[in-house]
Protein backbone atom coordinates (compact mmCIF):
# COMPACT_ATOMS: atom_id res chain seq x y z
CA THR A 1 -154.77 14.64 1.16
CA VAL A 2 -152.60 12.14 3.03
CA THR A 3 -153.71 11.02 6.50
CA GLY A 4 -150.96 9.94 8.89
CA PRO A 5 -151.16 7.41 11.72
CA THR A 6 -153.52 8.26 14.53
CA GLY A 7 -151.40 6.71 17.28
CA PRO A 8 -152.65 5.09 20.45
CA SER A 9 -155.70 6.43 22.21
CA VAL A 10 -155.12 8.15 25.51
CA ASN A 11 -157.18 7.39 28.59
CA ILE A 12 -158.05 10.56 30.46
CA ASP A 13 -160.44 9.14 33.08
CA TYR A 14 -158.63 10.39 36.17
CA GLY A 15 -159.43 12.03 39.49
CA PHE A 16 -157.36 13.37 42.37
CA PHE A 17 -159.29 14.22 45.54
CA THR A 18 -158.10 15.55 48.90
CA ALA A 19 -159.28 16.41 52.40
CA ALA A 20 -157.65 19.14 54.43
CA THR A 21 -156.34 18.68 57.92
CA ALA A 22 -158.84 18.84 60.82
CA THR A 23 -161.66 17.27 58.81
CA SER A 24 -164.00 15.42 61.18
CA VAL A 25 -165.70 12.29 59.77
CA ASN A 26 -168.50 10.64 61.74
CA ASP A 27 -168.70 6.86 61.88
CA ALA A 28 -170.54 5.25 58.94
CA THR A 29 -170.16 8.50 56.98
CA ASP A 30 -168.42 9.14 53.65
CA VAL A 31 -165.46 11.52 53.57
CA ALA A 32 -166.27 14.87 51.95
CA LEU A 33 -163.30 15.27 49.65
CA THR A 34 -162.33 18.22 47.48
CA ALA A 35 -161.92 17.58 43.76
CA THR A 36 -158.39 18.80 43.09
CA LEU A 37 -158.11 17.51 39.53
CA ILE A 38 -160.65 15.54 37.47
CA SER A 39 -160.82 14.70 33.80
CA GLY A 40 -162.54 12.49 31.25
CA GLY A 41 -165.45 10.46 32.55
CA ILE A 42 -164.84 11.13 36.25
CA THR A 43 -167.26 13.51 37.96
CA TYR A 44 -167.71 14.52 41.59
CA GLU A 45 -170.57 15.71 43.73
CA SER A 46 -169.50 15.56 47.36
CA PRO A 47 -168.99 12.95 48.71
CA THR A 48 -169.54 10.80 45.59
CA ILE A 49 -167.20 10.10 42.66
CA THR A 50 -168.92 8.80 39.52
CA CYS A 51 -167.15 6.81 36.79
CA ALA A 52 -168.94 7.22 33.44
CA THR A 53 -166.97 4.49 31.68
CA ALA A 54 -166.85 0.83 32.70
CA GLY A 55 -163.40 -0.61 33.23
CA ASN A 56 -160.66 -1.54 35.66
CA TYR A 57 -159.74 1.35 37.92
CA LYS A 58 -156.65 1.76 40.07
CA ILE A 59 -157.56 3.49 43.32
CA ASP A 60 -155.03 4.84 45.81
CA ILE A 61 -156.14 6.12 49.20
CA GLY A 62 -154.18 7.47 52.11
CA TYR A 63 -154.92 9.26 55.36
CA SER A 64 -153.67 10.26 58.79
CA VAL A 65 -155.83 10.69 61.92
CA ASN A 66 -155.34 12.08 65.42
CA SER A 67 -156.44 8.88 67.19
CA ALA A 68 -154.49 5.89 68.48
CA GLN A 69 -157.72 3.88 68.42
CA ASP A 70 -158.55 1.43 65.64
CA THR A 71 -159.24 3.51 62.55
CA ILE A 72 -160.59 2.05 59.32
CA PHE A 73 -161.61 3.79 56.13
CA GLU A 74 -163.12 1.62 53.40
CA LEU A 75 -164.03 2.15 49.77
CA ARG A 76 -167.64 1.77 48.69
CA ILE A 77 -168.50 1.00 45.09
CA ASN A 78 -172.07 1.72 44.11
CA GLY A 79 -173.01 1.99 47.77
CA ALA A 80 -171.56 -1.35 48.89
CA LEU A 81 -168.51 -1.69 51.12
CA VAL A 82 -165.92 -3.65 49.15
CA GLY A 83 -164.27 -5.47 52.05
CA VAL A 84 -160.65 -6.15 52.84
CA ASN A 85 -159.32 -5.27 49.37
CA GLY A 86 -160.57 -1.71 49.79
CA ARG A 87 -159.98 -1.30 53.52
CA CYS A 88 -157.23 0.86 54.97
CA GLY A 89 -156.67 0.56 58.72
CA CYS A 90 -154.35 2.08 61.30
CA THR A 91 -153.87 2.15 65.10
CA ASN A 92 -151.25 4.91 65.29
CA THR A 93 -151.72 8.63 65.83
CA LEU A 94 -150.49 10.89 63.03
CA THR A 95 -149.15 8.04 60.91
CA HIS A 96 -149.79 8.17 57.19
CA THR A 97 -151.56 4.97 56.11
CA SER A 98 -152.27 4.07 52.47
CA ILE A 99 -153.33 1.34 50.06
CA SER A 100 -153.41 0.86 46.32
CA THR A 101 -155.94 -1.48 44.74
CA ILE A 102 -157.69 -2.28 41.46
CA PHE A 103 -161.44 -2.77 41.01
CA ALA A 104 -163.71 -3.46 38.07
CA ILE A 105 -166.22 -0.61 38.06
CA GLY A 106 -169.29 -0.52 35.83
CA ALA A 107 -170.48 2.43 33.77
CA ASP A 108 -172.02 5.20 35.89
CA GLN A 109 -171.10 3.46 39.15
CA THR A 110 -170.04 5.47 42.16
CA VAL A 111 -167.07 5.42 44.54
CA THR A 112 -166.90 6.84 48.05
CA LEU A 113 -164.53 6.56 51.01
CA ARG A 114 -166.30 5.75 54.30
CA ASN A 115 -165.25 5.85 57.95
CA VAL A 116 -166.08 2.40 59.37
CA SER A 117 -164.05 2.80 62.58
CA GLY A 118 -166.99 2.63 64.98
CA ALA A 119 -166.47 6.25 66.07
CA THR A 120 -165.82 9.73 64.70
CA ARG A 121 -162.28 10.28 63.44
CA THR A 122 -160.54 13.55 62.63
CA LEU A 123 -158.31 13.55 59.58
CA THR A 124 -155.10 15.32 60.57
CA SER A 125 -151.86 15.91 58.68
CA SER A 126 -149.03 13.63 59.79
CA THR A 127 -146.55 16.52 59.51
CA SER A 128 -146.16 19.74 61.46
CA THR A 129 -146.98 21.79 58.38
CA ALA A 130 -150.51 22.30 57.14
CA SER A 131 -150.79 19.68 54.45
CA LEU A 132 -153.11 16.97 53.21
CA ALA A 133 -154.76 14.71 55.74
CA CYS A 134 -156.41 12.39 53.19
CA TYR A 135 -156.29 11.69 49.46
CA LEU A 136 -157.94 9.45 46.89
CA VAL A 137 -156.62 8.97 43.37
CA ILE A 138 -158.63 7.06 40.77
CA LYS A 139 -157.56 6.20 37.21
CA ARG A 140 -159.11 3.95 34.59
CA LEU A 141 -156.49 1.51 33.33
């Protein structure tokens, strides 16, 4: 029997999470997302994403709110706020705001998205059609 080349390995640690419009998020509270698509070593139990495999992860977040007040959502890794590199802020009503960042995440560490605005914020679609108000995409590089 002849065995051919195996080719490169494929990374399938990926998650796509969303929040529908009119989702209210209290201050100092994690966003309850919906797992739209997950695979590989990514698991989800609301509001916590768990990464089974250590590595560098690209994380994209975006949101729109119905408040012209300072609004800040920040990533937490293993329960700790990650600071400016994982912070997404906005002062405009119904404006889509987003960031893309890369973090080293250890095996079995968790990721959440937290409202740190100082007040409750309501995630609201930035368009007139009922669409996403918030998303988080995570992929191991």
